[in-house]
Amino acid sequence: MTTKSKKAKSAGRFGARYGKRVRDKLVKVEVKQRVKQKCPFCEREGAKRLSKGVWECSKCGKKFASNTYHLD
């Protein structure tokens, strides 16, 4: 089985399929969603995405629903 390259980042799992633009857009979304976001309750960087639209703050312990990929 092939491994993903550093250049392709997380989209390397798709190989040569789907086109470069689509894979680049996917990488941008995945990088943004995996970073800890600012919690709307305690205003600190600690909210982490659990699943689609479900977030949990590691600082204050609140679990809440919001945007799908990243908090604004």
C-alpha atoms as a PDB file:
ATOM      1  CA  MET A   1       0.000   0.000   0.000  1.00  0.00           C
ATOM      2  CA  THR A   2       1.259   3.457  -0.827  1.00  0.00           C
ATOM      3  CA  THR A   3       1.878   6.127   1.773  1.00  0.00           C
ATOM      4  CA  LYS A   4       0.905   9.775   1.599  1.00  0.00           C
ATOM      5  CA  SER A   5       3.609  12.258   0.712  1.00  0.00           C
ATOM      6  CA  LYS A   6       4.481  15.390   2.688  1.00  0.00           C
ATOM      7  CA  LYS A   7       3.469  17.575  -0.250  1.00  0.00           C
ATOM      8  CA  ALA A   8      -0.033  16.090  -0.491  1.00  0.00           C
ATOM      9  CA  LYS A   9      -0.575  16.183   3.310  1.00  0.00           C
ATOM     10  CA  SER A  10      -3.820  14.541   4.439  1.00  0.00           C
ATOM     11  CA  ALA A  11      -5.195  14.384   0.868  1.00  0.00           C
ATOM     12  CA  GLY A  12      -2.393  11.989  -0.051  1.00  0.00           C
ATOM     13  CA  ARG A  13      -4.749   9.164   0.849  1.00  0.00           C
ATOM     14  CA  PHE A  14      -6.621   9.814  -2.422  1.00  0.00           C
ATOM     15  CA  GLY A  15      -3.572   9.362  -4.638  1.00  0.00           C
ATOM     16  CA  ALA A  16      -3.969  10.857  -8.118  1.00  0.00           C
ATOM     17  CA  ARG A  17      -7.775  10.909  -7.999  1.00  0.00           C
ATOM     18  CA  TYR A  18     -10.216  13.891  -7.851  1.00  0.00           C
ATOM     19  CA  GLY A  19      -7.831  16.627  -9.073  1.00  0.00           C
ATOM     20  CA  LYS A  20      -5.363  18.925  -7.355  1.00  0.00           C
ATOM     21  CA  ARG A  21      -7.740  21.809  -6.559  1.00  0.00           C
ATOM     22  CA  VAL A  22     -10.262  19.594  -4.817  1.00  0.00           C
ATOM     23  CA  ARG A  23      -7.560  17.909  -2.760  1.00  0.00           C
ATOM     24  CA  ASP A  24      -5.986  21.285  -1.831  1.00  0.00           C
ATOM     25  CA  LYS A  25      -9.369  22.610  -0.644  1.00  0.00           C
ATOM     26  CA  LEU A  26      -9.869  19.480   1.429  1.00  0.00           C
ATOM     27  CA  VAL A  27      -6.459  19.917   3.100  1.00  0.00           C
ATOM     28  CA  LYS A  28      -7.322  23.533   4.040  1.00  0.00           C
ATOM     29  CA  VAL A  29     -10.601  22.460   5.669  1.00  0.00           C
ATOM     30  CA  GLU A  30      -9.040  19.519   7.526  1.00  0.00           C
ATOM     31  CA  VAL A  31      -6.154  21.597   8.885  1.00  0.00           C
ATOM     32  CA  LYS A  32      -8.566  24.280  10.109  1.00  0.00           C
ATOM     33  CA  GLN A  33     -10.969  21.839  11.761  1.00  0.00           C
ATOM     34  CA  ARG A  34      -8.280  19.968  13.719  1.00  0.00           C
ATOM     35  CA  VAL A  35      -6.844  23.073  15.420  1.00  0.00           C
ATOM     36  CA  LYS A  36      -8.185  23.999  18.849  1.00  0.00           C
ATOM     37  CA  GLN A  37     -10.690  26.817  18.471  1.00  0.00           C
ATOM     38  CA  LYS A  38     -11.780  29.678  20.747  1.00  0.00           C
ATOM     39  CA  CYS A  39     -14.559  28.569  23.128  1.00  0.00           C
ATOM     40  CA  PRO A  40     -17.621  30.873  23.023  1.00  0.00           C
ATOM     41  CA  PHE A  41     -18.233  30.381  26.773  1.00  0.00           C
ATOM     42  CA  CYS A  42     -14.838  30.830  28.428  1.00  0.00           C
ATOM     43  CA  GLU A  43     -13.170  32.728  25.510  1.00  0.00           C
ATOM     44  CA  ARG A  44     -10.013  30.542  25.659  1.00  0.00           C
ATOM     45  CA  GLU A  45      -8.420  28.307  23.047  1.00  0.00           C
ATOM     46  CA  GLY A  46      -9.677  24.889  24.020  1.00  0.00           C
ATOM     47  CA  ALA A  47     -12.673  23.850  21.926  1.00  0.00           C
ATOM     48  CA  LYS A  48     -12.038  20.688  19.944  1.00  0.00           C
ATOM     49  CA  ARG A  49     -14.286  19.101  17.337  1.00  0.00           C
ATOM     50  CA  LEU A  50     -15.768  15.769  18.403  1.00  0.00           C
ATOM     51  CA  SER A  51     -17.966  15.117  15.372  1.00  0.00           C
ATOM     52  CA  LYS A  52     -19.989  17.060  12.797  1.00  0.00           C
ATOM     53  CA  GLY A  53     -21.156  20.205  14.567  1.00  0.00           C
ATOM     54  CA  VAL A  54     -20.348  18.914  18.077  1.00  0.00           C
ATOM     55  CA  TRP A  55     -17.592  20.666  20.034  1.00  0.00           C
ATOM     56  CA  GLU A  56     -16.157  20.297  23.527  1.00  0.00           C
ATOM     57  CA  CYS A  57     -13.986  22.725  25.456  1.00  0.00           C
ATOM     58  CA  SER A  58     -11.128  21.163  27.379  1.00  0.00           C
ATOM     59  CA  LYS A  59     -10.793  24.246  29.614  1.00  0.00           C
ATOM     60  CA  CYS A  60     -14.374  24.721  30.889  1.00  0.00           C
ATOM     61  CA  GLY A  61     -15.727  21.255  30.041  1.00  0.00           C
ATOM     62  CA  LYS A  62     -18.774  22.495  28.095  1.00  0.00           C
ATOM     63  CA  LYS A  63     -20.079  20.492  25.174  1.00  0.00           C
ATOM     64  CA  PHE A  64     -22.021  22.432  22.562  1.00  0.00           C
ATOM     65  CA  ALA A  65     -23.275  22.411  18.978  1.00  0.00           C
ATOM     66  CA  SER A  66     -22.085  24.945  16.448  1.00  0.00           C
ATOM     67  CA  ASN A  67     -20.648  25.117  12.933  1.00  0.00           C
ATOM     68  CA  THR A  68     -19.579  21.925  11.226  1.00  0.00           C
ATOM     69  CA  TYR A  69     -15.873  22.450  10.504  1.00  0.00           C
ATOM     70  CA  HIS A  70     -14.653  25.474  12.450  1.00  0.00           C
ATOM     71  CA  LEU A  71     -15.936  28.034  14.936  1.00  0.00           C
ATOM     72  CA  ASP A  72     -16.220  31.652  13.865  1.00  0.00           C
END
